[in-house]
Amino acid sequence: MSKQRKFGSRKGATFIEYALLAGLVAIVVAAAAMFFGEDIKNLFGATGEKVTDVQQGVNDVKLKTSFDDVNKRTGGSSSSSSGGGSTSNP
């Protein structure tokens, strides 16, 4: 008689082993969160402040477009006319 037939299926034992392993991982993650929690909170807080500063800096800068450069060189205005006539540059 084989051991597997004598003791039955190992499916239940395998499930219990995985459950114990998952419980151990959960305990390790909880301990790490308690130990490093404040440092991680400060890291993400500082990163968020930097992102906010960069976003504010980008919003404060007037970005030039290539259309603005063309208008400066040709002396044209930023609005186009659909009259079909030609415009003379001074």
C-alpha atoms as a PDB file:
ATOM      1  CA  MET A   1       0.000   0.000   0.000  1.00  0.00           C
ATOM      2  CA  SER A   2       1.460   3.405  -0.961  1.00  0.00           C
ATOM      3  CA  LYS A   3       1.801   6.318   1.437  1.00  0.00           C
ATOM      4  CA  GLN A   4      -0.571   8.439  -0.620  1.00  0.00           C
ATOM      5  CA  ARG A   5      -3.332   5.848  -0.389  1.00  0.00           C
ATOM      6  CA  LYS A   6      -2.640   5.306   3.296  1.00  0.00           C
ATOM      7  CA  PHE A   7      -2.820   8.968   4.287  1.00  0.00           C
ATOM      8  CA  GLY A   8      -5.209  10.157   1.577  1.00  0.00           C
ATOM      9  CA  SER A   9      -4.824  13.032  -0.845  1.00  0.00           C
ATOM     10  CA  ARG A  10      -2.183  15.756  -0.314  1.00  0.00           C
ATOM     11  CA  LYS A  11      -4.430  18.514  -1.704  1.00  0.00           C
ATOM     12  CA  GLY A  12      -5.472  19.628   1.770  1.00  0.00           C
ATOM     13  CA  ALA A  13      -1.905  19.647   3.043  1.00  0.00           C
ATOM     14  CA  THR A  14      -0.753  21.677   0.036  1.00  0.00           C
ATOM     15  CA  PHE A  15      -3.509  24.215   0.651  1.00  0.00           C
ATOM     16  CA  ILE A  16      -2.500  24.544   4.313  1.00  0.00           C
ATOM     17  CA  GLU A  17       1.158  25.014   3.332  1.00  0.00           C
ATOM     18  CA  TYR A  18       0.251  27.814   0.925  1.00  0.00           C
ATOM     19  CA  ALA A  19      -2.033  29.419   3.518  1.00  0.00           C
ATOM     20  CA  LEU A  20       0.774  29.384   6.101  1.00  0.00           C
ATOM     21  CA  LEU A  21       3.180  30.845   3.565  1.00  0.00           C
ATOM     22  CA  ALA A  22       0.715  33.612   2.651  1.00  0.00           C
ATOM     23  CA  GLY A  23       0.211  34.362   6.346  1.00  0.00           C
ATOM     24  CA  LEU A  24       3.961  34.611   6.879  1.00  0.00           C
ATOM     25  CA  VAL A  25       4.307  36.982   3.913  1.00  0.00           C
ATOM     26  CA  ALA A  26       1.475  39.119   5.304  1.00  0.00           C
ATOM     27  CA  ILE A  27       3.212  39.337   8.678  1.00  0.00           C
ATOM     28  CA  VAL A  28       6.515  40.341   7.049  1.00  0.00           C
ATOM     29  CA  VAL A  29       4.787  43.024   4.942  1.00  0.00           C
ATOM     30  CA  ALA A  30       2.969  44.395   8.008  1.00  0.00           C
ATOM     31  CA  ALA A  31       6.207  44.511  10.020  1.00  0.00           C
ATOM     32  CA  ALA A  32       8.023  46.261   7.161  1.00  0.00           C
ATOM     33  CA  ALA A  33       5.208  48.798   6.863  1.00  0.00           C
ATOM     34  CA  MET A  34       5.402  49.541  10.579  1.00  0.00           C
ATOM     35  CA  PHE A  35       9.191  49.833  10.495  1.00  0.00           C
ATOM     36  CA  PHE A  36       9.573  51.819   7.253  1.00  0.00           C
ATOM     37  CA  GLY A  37       6.138  53.474   7.165  1.00  0.00           C
ATOM     38  CA  GLU A  38       7.170  56.962   8.232  1.00  0.00           C
ATOM     39  CA  ASP A  39      10.176  57.016   5.878  1.00  0.00           C
ATOM     40  CA  ILE A  40       8.046  55.909   2.931  1.00  0.00           C
ATOM     41  CA  LYS A  41       5.406  58.497   3.814  1.00  0.00           C
ATOM     42  CA  ASN A  42       8.053  61.245   3.859  1.00  0.00           C
ATOM     43  CA  LEU A  43       9.540  60.024   0.571  1.00  0.00           C
ATOM     44  CA  PHE A  44       6.202  60.102  -1.242  1.00  0.00           C
ATOM     45  CA  GLY A  45       5.311  63.446   0.354  1.00  0.00           C
ATOM     46  CA  ALA A  46       8.562  65.039  -0.813  1.00  0.00           C
ATOM     47  CA  THR A  47       8.126  63.563  -4.283  1.00  0.00           C
ATOM     48  CA  GLY A  48       4.587  64.953  -4.464  1.00  0.00           C
ATOM     49  CA  GLU A  49       5.820  68.415  -3.477  1.00  0.00           C
ATOM     50  CA  LYS A  50       8.505  68.307  -6.188  1.00  0.00           C
ATOM     51  CA  VAL A  51       5.948  67.281  -8.805  1.00  0.00           C
ATOM     52  CA  THR A  52       3.685  70.134  -7.713  1.00  0.00           C
ATOM     53  CA  ASP A  53       6.591  72.601  -7.955  1.00  0.00           C
ATOM     54  CA  VAL A  54       7.489  71.420 -11.456  1.00  0.00           C
ATOM     55  CA  GLN A  55       3.862  71.542 -12.573  1.00  0.00           C
ATOM     56  CA  GLN A  56       3.506  75.093 -11.225  1.00  0.00           C
ATOM     57  CA  GLY A  57       6.727  76.105 -13.003  1.00  0.00           C
ATOM     58  CA  VAL A  58       5.463  74.685 -16.283  1.00  0.00           C
ATOM     59  CA  ASN A  59       2.144  76.488 -15.897  1.00  0.00           C
ATOM     60  CA  ASP A  60       3.975  79.781 -15.274  1.00  0.00           C
ATOM     61  CA  VAL A  61       6.061  79.558 -18.455  1.00  0.00           C
ATOM     62  CA  LYS A  62       4.547  80.792 -21.703  1.00  0.00           C
ATOM     63  CA  LEU A  63       5.542  78.215 -24.236  1.00  0.00           C
ATOM     64  CA  LYS A  64       6.502  79.429 -27.695  1.00  0.00           C
ATOM     65  CA  THR A  65       5.041  77.646 -30.658  1.00  0.00           C
ATOM     66  CA  SER A  66       6.472  77.426 -34.120  1.00  0.00           C
ATOM     67  CA  PHE A  67       3.473  79.447 -35.331  1.00  0.00           C
ATOM     68  CA  ASP A  68       4.539  82.343 -33.083  1.00  0.00           C
ATOM     69  CA  ASP A  69       8.052  82.199 -34.564  1.00  0.00           C
ATOM     70  CA  VAL A  70       6.698  82.348 -38.119  1.00  0.00           C
ATOM     71  CA  ASN A  71       4.516  85.358 -37.291  1.00  0.00           C
ATOM     72  CA  LYS A  72       7.473  87.208 -35.761  1.00  0.00           C
ATOM     73  CA  ARG A  73       9.596  86.637 -38.862  1.00  0.00           C
ATOM     74  CA  THR A  74       6.870  87.551 -41.338  1.00  0.00           C
ATOM     75  CA  GLY A  75       5.253  90.321 -39.312  1.00  0.00           C
ATOM     76  CA  GLY A  76       1.829  88.647 -39.525  1.00  0.00           C
ATOM     77  CA  SER A  77      -0.784  88.430 -36.819  1.00  0.00           C
ATOM     78  CA  SER A  78      -1.770  85.279 -34.980  1.00  0.00           C
ATOM     79  CA  SER A  79      -5.279  85.292 -36.471  1.00  0.00           C
ATOM     80  CA  SER A  80      -5.784  84.150 -40.016  1.00  0.00           C
ATOM     81  CA  SER A  81      -8.115  85.843 -42.449  1.00  0.00           C
ATOM     82  CA  SER A  82     -10.302  83.875 -44.800  1.00  0.00           C
ATOM     83  CA  GLY A  83     -10.820  86.752 -47.229  1.00  0.00           C
ATOM     84  CA  GLY A  84      -8.616  85.185 -49.866  1.00  0.00           C
ATOM     85  CA  GLY A  85      -6.619  88.365 -50.476  1.00  0.00           C
ATOM     86  CA  SER A  86      -2.887  88.673 -50.107  1.00  0.00           C
ATOM     87  CA  THR A  87      -1.298  90.554 -47.265  1.00  0.00           C
ATOM     88  CA  SER A  88       1.668  92.789 -47.787  1.00  0.00           C
ATOM     89  CA  ASN A  89       4.455  92.794 -45.249  1.00  0.00           C
ATOM     90  CA  PRO A  90       6.036  96.141 -44.327  1.00  0.00           C
END
